[in-house]
C-alpha atoms as a PDB file:
ATOM      1  CA  MET A   1     154.554   7.103 102.491  1.00  0.00           C
ATOM      2  CA  LYS A   2     154.169   3.630 101.012  1.00  0.00           C
ATOM      3  CA  ILE A   3     154.807   1.839 104.285  1.00  0.00           C
ATOM      4  CA  ILE A   4     152.069   3.817 106.074  1.00  0.00           C
ATOM      5  CA  LYS A   5     149.609   2.963 103.294  1.00  0.00           C
ATOM      6  CA  VAL A   6     150.379  -0.742 103.718  1.00  0.00           C
ATOM      7  CA  PHE A   7     149.644  -0.516 107.440  1.00  0.00           C
ATOM      8  CA  GLY A   8     146.442   1.387 106.734  1.00  0.00           C
ATOM      9  CA  LEU A   9     145.257  -1.368 104.391  1.00  0.00           C
ATOM     10  CA  ILE A  10     146.046  -4.073 106.950  1.00  0.00           C
ATOM     11  CA  CYS A  11     144.197  -2.128 109.662  1.00  0.00           C
ATOM     12  CA  THR A  12     141.141  -1.879 107.417  1.00  0.00           C
ATOM     13  CA  LEU A  13     141.137  -5.615 106.711  1.00  0.00           C
ATOM     14  CA  GLN A  14     141.557  -6.447 110.382  1.00  0.00           C
ATOM     15  CA  LEU A  15     138.753  -4.143 111.445  1.00  0.00           C
ATOM     16  CA  GLY A  16     136.464  -5.827 108.940  1.00  0.00           C
ATOM     17  CA  LEU A  17     136.995  -9.078 110.848  1.00  0.00           C
ATOM     18  CA  ALA A  18     136.678  -7.474 114.262  1.00  0.00           C
ATOM     19  CA  SER A  19     133.616  -9.385 115.377  1.00  0.00           C
ATOM     20  CA  ILE A  20     135.185 -12.831 114.842  1.00  0.00           C
ATOM     21  CA  GLY A  21     136.557 -14.219 118.078  1.00  0.00           C
ATOM     22  CA  PHE A  22     136.849 -10.785 119.646  1.00  0.00           C
ATOM     23  CA  ALA A  23     136.284 -11.846 123.254  1.00  0.00           C
ATOM     24  CA  GLN A  24     139.029 -14.460 123.141  1.00  0.00           C
ATOM     25  CA  ARG A  25     141.546 -12.183 121.440  1.00  0.00           C
ATOM     26  CA  SER A  26     140.914  -9.215 123.706  1.00  0.00           C
ATOM     27  CA  ALA A  27     141.583 -11.368 126.769  1.00  0.00           C
ATOM     28  CA  TYR A  28     144.882 -12.517 125.275  1.00  0.00           C
ATOM     29  CA  TRP A  29     145.831  -8.962 124.456  1.00  0.00           C
ATOM     30  CA  GLN A  30     145.780  -7.544 127.920  1.00  0.00           C
ATOM     31  CA  GLU A  31     149.223  -7.879 129.442  1.00  0.00           C
ATOM     32  CA  LYS A  32     149.222  -6.693 133.008  1.00  0.00           C
ATOM     33  CA  PRO A  33     151.258  -3.511 133.613  1.00  0.00           C
ATOM     34  CA  GLY A  34     154.566  -4.776 134.961  1.00  0.00           C
ATOM     35  CA  SER A  35     154.765  -7.642 132.437  1.00  0.00           C
ATOM     36  CA  TRP A  36     157.897  -8.399 130.430  1.00  0.00           C
ATOM     37  CA  LEU A  37     157.933  -9.354 126.749  1.00  0.00           C
ATOM     38  CA  LEU A  38     160.737 -10.716 124.611  1.00  0.00           C
ATOM     39  CA  ASN A  39     160.694 -10.552 120.847  1.00  0.00           C
ATOM     40  CA  ALA A  40     162.738 -11.351 117.768  1.00  0.00           C
ATOM     41  CA  GLY A  41     162.257 -10.004 114.285  1.00  0.00           C
ATOM     42  CA  VAL A  42     163.391 -10.521 110.721  1.00  0.00           C
ATOM     43  CA  GLY A  43     162.715  -8.061 107.959  1.00  0.00           C
ATOM     44  CA  THR A  44     163.752  -6.236 104.850  1.00  0.00           C
ATOM     45  CA  THR A  45     165.513  -2.873 104.646  1.00  0.00           C
ATOM     46  CA  ARG A  46     165.652  -0.096 102.099  1.00  0.00           C
ATOM     47  CA  TYR A  47     168.409   2.503 102.283  1.00  0.00           C
ATOM     48  CA  LEU A  48     167.695   6.159 101.457  1.00  0.00           C
ATOM     49  CA  GLY A  49     170.691   8.353 100.769  1.00  0.00           C
ATOM     50  CA  ASP A  50     172.956   9.878  98.134  1.00  0.00           C
ATOM     51  CA  LEU A  51     173.353   6.700  96.065  1.00  0.00           C
ATOM     52  CA  ASN A  52     169.736   5.947  95.288  1.00  0.00           C
ATOM     53  CA  GLU A  53     166.588   7.715  94.172  1.00  0.00           C
ATOM     54  CA  ARG A  54     163.825   7.872  96.761  1.00  0.00           C
ATOM     55  CA  TRP A  55     160.978   7.125  94.346  1.00  0.00           C
ATOM     56  CA  ASN A  56     162.812   4.687  92.062  1.00  0.00           C
ATOM     57  CA  LEU A  57     160.604   1.727  93.009  1.00  0.00           C
ATOM     58  CA  ALA A  58     161.846  -0.359  90.074  1.00  0.00           C
ATOM     59  CA  HIS A  59     165.269  -0.668  91.757  1.00  0.00           C
ATOM     60  CA  LEU A  60     164.609  -0.868  95.503  1.00  0.00           C
ATOM     61  CA  GLN A  61     168.055  -2.276  96.426  1.00  0.00           C
ATOM     62  CA  LEU A  62     166.658  -4.137  99.441  1.00  0.00           C
ATOM     63  CA  GLY A  63     168.624  -5.560 102.359  1.00  0.00           C
ATOM     64  CA  VAL A  64     167.805  -7.566 105.479  1.00  0.00           C
ATOM     65  CA  SER A  65     167.591  -7.018 109.239  1.00  0.00           C
ATOM     66  CA  LEU A  66     167.675  -9.246 112.332  1.00  0.00           C
ATOM     67  CA  GLY A  67     166.769  -7.963 115.785  1.00  0.00           C
ATOM     68  CA  ILE A  68     166.090  -9.076 119.350  1.00  0.00           C
ATOM     69  CA  ALA A  69     164.302  -6.926 121.912  1.00  0.00           C
ATOM     70  CA  ALA A  70     163.026  -6.830 125.470  1.00  0.00           C
ATOM     71  CA  ALA A  71     160.022  -4.766 126.509  1.00  0.00           C
ATOM     72  CA  TYR A  72     158.407  -3.787 129.808  1.00  0.00           C
ATOM     73  CA  ARG A  73     154.742  -2.827 129.903  1.00  0.00           C
ATOM     74  CA  TYR A  74     154.593   0.237 132.119  1.00  0.00           C
ATOM     75  CA  SER A  75     150.858   0.933 131.811  1.00  0.00           C
ATOM     76  CA  ASN A  76     147.836  -0.050 129.760  1.00  0.00           C
ATOM     77  CA  ARG A  77     149.091   2.007 126.822  1.00  0.00           C
ATOM     78  CA  LEU A  78     152.825   2.557 127.337  1.00  0.00           C
ATOM     79  CA  THR A  79     155.637   0.027 126.959  1.00  0.00           C
ATOM     80  CA  PHE A  80     159.376   0.647 127.296  1.00  0.00           C
ATOM     81  CA  ARG A  81     161.530  -1.243 124.803  1.00  0.00           C
ATOM     82  CA  GLY A  82     165.216  -1.846 124.098  1.00  0.00           C
ATOM     83  CA  GLU A  83     166.593  -3.596 121.024  1.00  0.00           C
ATOM     84  CA  ALA A  84     169.808  -4.822 119.419  1.00  0.00           C
ATOM     85  CA  GLN A  85     169.768  -5.173 115.649  1.00  0.00           C
ATOM     86  CA  LEU A  86     172.031  -6.139 112.768  1.00  0.00           C
ATOM     87  CA  TYR A  87     171.043  -4.730 109.394  1.00  0.00           C
ATOM     88  CA  TYR A  88     172.366  -4.964 105.855  1.00  0.00           C
ATOM     89  CA  ILE A  89     171.827  -2.062 103.470  1.00  0.00           C
ATOM     90  CA  ARG A  90     173.190  -1.281 100.031  1.00  0.00           C
ATOM     91  CA  GLY A  91     173.087   1.427  97.428  1.00  0.00           C
ATOM     92  CA  SER A  92     174.362   2.105  93.932  1.00  0.00           C
ATOM     93  CA  GLN A  93     174.144   4.872  91.374  1.00  0.00           C
ATOM     94  CA  GLU A  94     173.509   2.286  88.693  1.00  0.00           C
ATOM     95  CA  ASN A  95     170.068   2.803  87.134  1.00  0.00           C
ATOM     96  CA  THR A  96     169.880   6.365  88.507  1.00  0.00           C
ATOM     97  CA  HIS A  97     170.347   9.734  86.815  1.00  0.00           C
ATOM     98  CA  LEU A  98     173.884   9.789  88.301  1.00  0.00           C
ATOM     99  CA  SER A  99     174.943   6.408  86.904  1.00  0.00           C
ATOM    100  CA  TYR A 100     177.920   8.054  85.169  1.00  0.00           C
ATOM    101  CA  ASN A 101     179.573   8.590  88.594  1.00  0.00           C
ATOM    102  CA  ASN A 102     179.557   4.815  89.269  1.00  0.00           C
ATOM    103  CA  LEU A 103     179.625   4.983  93.085  1.00  0.00           C
ATOM    104  CA  SER A 104     178.267   2.135  95.233  1.00  0.00           C
ATOM    105  CA  PHE A 105     178.416   0.737  98.752  1.00  0.00           C
ATOM    106  CA  ARG A 106     177.121  -2.003 101.006  1.00  0.00           C
ATOM    107  CA  SER A 107     177.114  -2.102 104.787  1.00  0.00           C
ATOM    108  CA  PHE A 108     176.391  -4.639 107.538  1.00  0.00           C
ATOM    109  CA  ASN A 109     175.907  -2.549 110.675  1.00  0.00           C
ATOM    110  CA  PRO A 110     175.032  -3.188 114.320  1.00  0.00           C
ATOM    111  CA  GLU A 111     172.788  -0.856 116.296  1.00  0.00           C
ATOM    112  CA  LEU A 112     171.384  -0.447 119.805  1.00  0.00           C
ATOM    113  CA  TRP A 113     168.353   1.658 120.644  1.00  0.00           C
ATOM    114  CA  ALA A 114     165.743   2.177 123.334  1.00  0.00           C
ATOM    115  CA  GLY A 115     162.412   3.928 123.294  1.00  0.00           C
ATOM    116  CA  ILE A 116     158.678   3.970 123.963  1.00  0.00           C
ATOM    117  CA  GLN A 117     155.860   1.994 122.389  1.00  0.00           C
ATOM    118  CA  ALA A 118     152.462   3.664 122.721  1.00  0.00           C
ATOM    119  CA  ASP A 119     149.206   1.827 121.949  1.00  0.00           C
ATOM    120  CA  PHE A 120     146.627   3.829 120.022  1.00  0.00           C
ATOM    121  CA  TRP A 121     143.882   2.676 122.414  1.00  0.00           C
ATOM    122  CA  ARG A 122     143.588   0.851 125.704  1.00  0.00           C
ATOM    123  CA  PRO A 123     143.753  -2.931 125.217  1.00  0.00           C
ATOM    124  CA  ASP A 124     140.380  -3.384 126.936  1.00  0.00           C
ATOM    125  CA  ASP A 125     138.631  -0.882 124.632  1.00  0.00           C
ATOM    126  CA  ARG A 126     135.835  -2.971 123.119  1.00  0.00           C
ATOM    127  CA  ASN A 127     135.370  -0.565 120.221  1.00  0.00           C
ATOM    128  CA  HIS A 128     138.590  -1.848 118.638  1.00  0.00           C
ATOM    129  CA  ALA A 129     139.412  -5.473 117.911  1.00  0.00           C
ATOM    130  CA  ILE A 130     143.055  -4.683 117.214  1.00  0.00           C
ATOM    131  CA  VAL A 131     145.361  -2.176 118.863  1.00  0.00           C
ATOM    132  CA  PRO A 132     148.073  -0.704 116.598  1.00  0.00           C
ATOM    133  CA  TYR A 133     150.909   1.182 118.241  1.00  0.00           C
ATOM    134  CA  ALA A 134     153.487   3.877 117.531  1.00  0.00           C
ATOM    135  CA  ILE A 135     157.194   3.566 118.329  1.00  0.00           C
ATOM    136  CA  ALA A 136     159.864   6.214 118.887  1.00  0.00           C
ATOM    137  CA  GLY A 137     163.393   5.720 120.160  1.00  0.00           C
ATOM    138  CA  LEU A 138     166.997   6.864 120.302  1.00  0.00           C
ATOM    139  CA  GLY A 139     170.203   4.889 119.908  1.00  0.00           C
ATOM    140  CA  LEU A 140     173.574   4.374 118.223  1.00  0.00           C
ATOM    141  CA  THR A 141     174.777   2.550 115.135  1.00  0.00           C
ATOM    142  CA  TYR A 142     178.252   1.688 113.827  1.00  0.00           C
ATOM    143  CA  LEU A 143     178.911   2.447 110.150  1.00  0.00           C
ATOM    144  CA  THR A 144     180.845  -0.087 108.053  1.00  0.00           C
ATOM    145  CA  PRO A 145     180.528   1.015 104.393  1.00  0.00           C
ATOM    146  CA  THR A 146     182.425  -1.208 101.957  1.00  0.00           C
ATOM    147  CA  THR A 147     182.636  -1.578  98.194  1.00  0.00           C
ATOM    148  CA  THR A 148     184.069  -3.963  95.614  1.00  0.00           C
ATOM    149  CA  TYR A 149     186.970  -2.876  93.427  1.00  0.00           C
ATOM    150  CA  LYS A 150     188.740  -5.168  90.954  1.00  0.00           C
ATOM    151  CA  GLY A 151     187.143  -8.195  92.567  1.00  0.00           C
ATOM    152  CA  LYS A 152     188.130  -7.331  96.139  1.00  0.00           C
ATOM    153  CA  SER A 153     186.170  -5.827  99.017  1.00  0.00           C
ATOM    154  CA  TYR A 154     187.459  -2.661 100.693  1.00  0.00           C
ATOM    155  CA  SER A 155     186.338  -0.745 103.787  1.00  0.00           C
ATOM    156  CA  LEU A 156     185.682   2.838 102.695  1.00  0.00           C
ATOM    157  CA  ALA A 157     185.781   4.814 105.956  1.00  0.00           C
ATOM    158  CA  PRO A 158     189.560   4.361 106.637  1.00  0.00           C
ATOM    159  CA  LEU A 159     190.366   5.553 103.094  1.00  0.00           C
ATOM    160  CA  HIS A 160     188.802   9.023 103.639  1.00  0.00           C
ATOM    161  CA  THR A 161     187.412   9.138 100.110  1.00  0.00           C
ATOM    162  CA  GLU A 162     186.232  12.741 100.619  1.00  0.00           C
ATOM    163  CA  GLY A 163     189.238  13.746 102.716  1.00  0.00           C
ATOM    164  CA  VAL A 164     187.081  13.601 105.867  1.00  0.00           C
ATOM    165  CA  ASN A 165     187.546  11.480 108.989  1.00  0.00           C
ATOM    166  CA  TYR A 166     183.858  11.179 109.827  1.00  0.00           C
ATOM    167  CA  ASN A 167     182.205   9.800 112.960  1.00  0.00           C
ATOM    168  CA  ARG A 168     181.410   6.098 112.516  1.00  0.00           C
ATOM    169  CA  LEU A 169     179.238   5.886 115.673  1.00  0.00           C
ATOM    170  CA  PRO A 170     176.381   8.328 115.009  1.00  0.00           C
ATOM    171  CA  VAL A 171     173.137   8.779 116.936  1.00  0.00           C
ATOM    172  CA  ILE A 172     170.004   7.321 115.354  1.00  0.00           C
ATOM    173  CA  LEU A 173     166.330   8.244 115.711  1.00  0.00           C
ATOM    174  CA  ARG A 174     163.775   5.478 115.063  1.00  0.00           C
ATOM    175  CA  TYR A 175     160.065   5.950 114.621  1.00  0.00           C
ATOM    176  CA  GLY A 176     157.197   4.089 113.027  1.00  0.00           C
ATOM    177  CA  VAL A 177     154.123   1.945 113.645  1.00  0.00           C
ATOM    178  CA  GLY A 178     153.312  -1.653 114.534  1.00  0.00           C
ATOM    179  CA  LEU A 179     150.302  -3.903 114.144  1.00  0.00           C
ATOM    180  CA  PRO A 180     149.459  -7.221 115.862  1.00  0.00           C
ATOM    181  CA  ILE A 181     148.558  -9.847 113.249  1.00  0.00           C
ATOM    182  CA  VAL A 182     148.236 -13.153 115.127  1.00  0.00           C
ATOM    183  CA  ILE A 183     147.532 -13.333 118.849  1.00  0.00           C
ATOM    184  CA  GLY A 184     147.834 -16.347 121.152  1.00  0.00           C
ATOM    185  CA  TYR A 185     148.152 -17.038 124.854  1.00  0.00           C
ATOM    186  CA  ARG A 186     151.948 -16.836 125.074  1.00  0.00           C
ATOM    187  CA  PHE A 187     153.042 -15.813 121.572  1.00  0.00           C
ATOM    188  CA  LYS A 188     152.061 -13.073 119.137  1.00  0.00           C
ATOM    189  CA  TRP A 189     153.096 -12.060 115.638  1.00  0.00           C
ATOM    190  CA  HIS A 190     153.421  -8.359 114.905  1.00  0.00           C
ATOM    191  CA  LEU A 191     154.194  -6.460 111.716  1.00  0.00           C
ATOM    192  CA  GLU A 192     156.300  -3.300 112.144  1.00  0.00           C
ATOM    193  CA  GLY A 193     157.364  -0.551 109.787  1.00  0.00           C
ATOM    194  CA  LEU A 194     160.096   1.778 111.068  1.00  0.00           C
ATOM    195  CA  TYR A 195     162.255   4.527 109.644  1.00  0.00           C
ATOM    196  CA  THR A 196     165.734   5.038 111.086  1.00  0.00           C
ATOM    197  CA  HIS A 197     167.073   8.565 110.705  1.00  0.00           C
ATOM    198  CA  VAL A 198     170.864   8.472 111.048  1.00  0.00           C
ATOM    199  CA  MET A 199     172.481  11.650 112.356  1.00  0.00           C
ATOM    200  CA  SER A 200     175.190  11.375 109.719  1.00  0.00           C
ATOM    201  CA  ASP A 201     175.419  11.833 105.960  1.00  0.00           C
ATOM    202  CA  TYR A 202     178.161   9.207 105.655  1.00  0.00           C
ATOM    203  CA  VAL A 203     176.174   5.976 105.937  1.00  0.00           C
ATOM    204  CA  ASP A 204     177.081   5.461 102.257  1.00  0.00           C
ATOM    205  CA  ASP A 205     180.522   7.177 102.484  1.00  0.00           C
ATOM    206  CA  VAL A 206     179.182   9.971 100.237  1.00  0.00           C
ATOM    207  CA  SER A 207     178.264  13.485 101.338  1.00  0.00           C
ATOM    208  CA  THR A 208     179.925  16.591  99.931  1.00  0.00           C
ATOM    209  CA  VAL A 209     182.421  17.136  97.076  1.00  0.00           C
ATOM    210  CA  TYR A 210     185.248  15.380  95.256  1.00  0.00           C
ATOM    211  CA  PRO A 211     188.584  16.062  96.979  1.00  0.00           C
ATOM    212  CA  ASP A 212     191.945  16.699  95.321  1.00  0.00           C
ATOM    213  CA  ARG A 213     192.838  13.171  94.208  1.00  0.00           C
ATOM    214  CA  SER A 214     196.479  14.099  93.622  1.00  0.00           C
ATOM    215  CA  THR A 215     197.043  14.287  97.399  1.00  0.00           C
ATOM    216  CA  MET A 216     195.512  10.856  98.096  1.00  0.00           C
ATOM    217  CA  GLU A 217     196.841   7.325  98.181  1.00  0.00           C
ATOM    218  CA  PRO A 218     196.203   5.488  94.872  1.00  0.00           C
ATOM    219  CA  LEU A 219     193.502   3.173  96.286  1.00  0.00           C
ATOM    220  CA  ALA A 220     191.686   6.018  98.048  1.00  0.00           C
ATOM    221  CA  ALA A 221     191.826   8.122  94.865  1.00  0.00           C
ATOM    222  CA  ALA A 222     190.452   5.256  92.771  1.00  0.00           C
ATOM    223  CA  LEU A 223     187.503   4.700  95.113  1.00  0.00           C
ATOM    224  CA  SER A 224     186.821   8.401  95.584  1.00  0.00           C
ATOM    225  CA  ASP A 225     186.051   8.891  91.878  1.00  0.00           C
ATOM    226  CA  ARG A 226     185.114   5.740  89.965  1.00  0.00           C
ATOM    227  CA  ARG A 227     184.291   7.286  86.608  1.00  0.00           C
ATOM    228  CA  LEU A 228     187.494   5.945  85.031  1.00  0.00           C
ATOM    229  CA  GLU A 229     186.193   2.393  85.438  1.00  0.00           C
ATOM    230  CA  ILE A 230     183.389   3.061  82.970  1.00  0.00           C
ATOM    231  CA  GLY A 231     185.434   5.136  80.524  1.00  0.00           C
ATOM    232  CA  GLN A 232     184.467   8.587  81.847  1.00  0.00           C
ATOM    233  CA  THR A 233     186.836  11.442  82.660  1.00  0.00           C
ATOM    234  CA  PRO A 234     187.325  12.104  86.408  1.00  0.00           C
ATOM    235  CA  ASN A 235     185.389  14.834  88.174  1.00  0.00           C
ATOM    236  CA  PRO A 236     187.251  18.075  88.908  1.00  0.00           C
ATOM    237  CA  THR A 237     188.229  18.869  92.504  1.00  0.00           C
ATOM    238  CA  GLY A 238     185.272  20.442  94.307  1.00  0.00           C
ATOM    239  CA  ALA A 239     182.606  18.946  92.032  1.00  0.00           C
ATOM    240  CA  LYS A 240     179.463  17.786  93.803  1.00  0.00           C
ATOM    241  CA  ARG A 241     179.742  14.183  95.045  1.00  0.00           C
ATOM    242  CA  GLY A 242     176.709  14.007  97.370  1.00  0.00           C
ATOM    243  CA  ASN A 243     173.974  16.046  99.018  1.00  0.00           C
ATOM    244  CA  ALA A 244     175.127  17.296 102.421  1.00  0.00           C
ATOM    245  CA  ASN A 245     171.743  18.927 103.094  1.00  0.00           C
ATOM    246  CA  ARG A 246     169.956  15.608 103.663  1.00  0.00           C
ATOM    247  CA  ARG A 247     171.144  12.968 106.108  1.00  0.00           C
ATOM    248  CA  ASP A 248     170.919   9.279 105.348  1.00  0.00           C
ATOM    249  CA  GLY A 249     168.502   6.715 106.720  1.00  0.00           C
ATOM    250  CA  TYR A 250     166.684   3.494 105.981  1.00  0.00           C
ATOM    251  CA  PHE A 251     163.294   1.794 106.255  1.00  0.00           C
ATOM    252  CA  THR A 252     162.696  -1.550 107.924  1.00  0.00           C
ATOM    253  CA  LEU A 253     159.606  -3.697 107.432  1.00  0.00           C
ATOM    254  CA  SER A 254     159.754  -6.679 109.784  1.00  0.00           C
ATOM    255  CA  ALA A 255     157.728  -9.568 111.169  1.00  0.00           C
ATOM    256  CA  ARG A 256     158.233 -10.002 114.902  1.00  0.00           C
ATOM    257  CA  LEU A 257     157.518 -12.949 117.195  1.00  0.00           C
ATOM    258  CA  ILE A 258     156.641 -11.722 120.711  1.00  0.00           C
ATOM    259  CA  TRP A 259     156.841 -13.999 123.731  1.00  0.00           C
ATOM    260  CA  VAL A 260     154.907 -12.868 126.802  1.00  0.00           C
ATOM    261  CA  VAL A 261     156.885 -13.724 129.926  1.00  0.00           C
ATOM    262  CA  ILE A 262     154.290 -15.206 132.264  1.00  0.00           C
ATOM    263  CA  THR A 263     154.741 -14.537 135.977  1.00  0.00           C
ATOM    264  CA  GLN A 264     152.531 -15.768 138.803  1.00  0.00           C
ATOM    265  CA  LYS A 265     150.896 -12.335 139.027  1.00  0.00           C
ATOM    266  CA  GLN A 266     150.277 -12.304 135.283  1.00  0.00           C
ATOM    267  CA  GLN A 267     148.635 -15.745 135.394  1.00  0.00           C
ATOM    268  CA  HIS A 268     146.323 -14.551 138.167  1.00  0.00           C
ATOM    269  CA  TYR A 269     145.510 -11.407 136.165  1.00  0.00           C
ATOM    270  CA  ARG A 270     144.548 -13.391 133.057  1.00  0.00           C
ATOM    271  CA  ARG A 271     142.415 -15.839 135.002  1.00  0.00           C
ATOM    272  CA  SER A 272     140.515 -12.904 136.504  1.00  0.00           C
ATOM    273  CA  ARG A 273     140.052 -11.299 133.049  1.00  0.00           C
ATOM    274  CA  ARG A 274     138.690 -14.527 131.547  1.00  0.00           C
ATOM    275  CA  GLY A 275     136.442 -15.009 134.539  1.00  0.00           C
END
């Protein structure tokens, strides 16, 4: 995956500079087990679902994310973490092989998740000047797909555009990697790349087939099949509208500012490490 390759390149560059200031940085790195850390992040998102093409890198349809988190270092290599995040994602069939269906959405969703952060090596391992980490977690998100029609914004979920009253509070699975970039005494900057797998195929309000539009309210029927807006004939009832075999998700690439909460015990620990 592209995001893994980016992290691999950064790791290589960092390792090439490993000998510069290593002693100072390694001392900063070593939070005492039992330490608390707070962090905030801002990043970019990319939705993957029925309304985009996974490898269409010319039209990424990027969004944004904002998150705050608290973490507790349980041991030298394991940290527990909980996070609240707001993220904006969007997707459109424009510039895809299904552009003639003319479907699109945007969504500004909240999510809560908790999980484990595992360092690749111990922080006092002198064979490595940086310590990347892996993240895995479980949580919930709330789906708010909307679209624009005749200059107005409409929430899609209440309209049941596929004749389905789907769950708007699905479970999410998050996993990815992180890499410290800048390290100081109280503050650190990390770069993280995560994929969020949503246990729903309705993040974009698209999943299965076109319903019988004759049984729907006029607005719901218009937003269920939008081919008329571009001069196409409507799809027949039962025609494929999405891919129900693959659930939706999104990538997040974020920069995170971490604040190490210094306690009296932690101060004593760092003095002893520097000594």
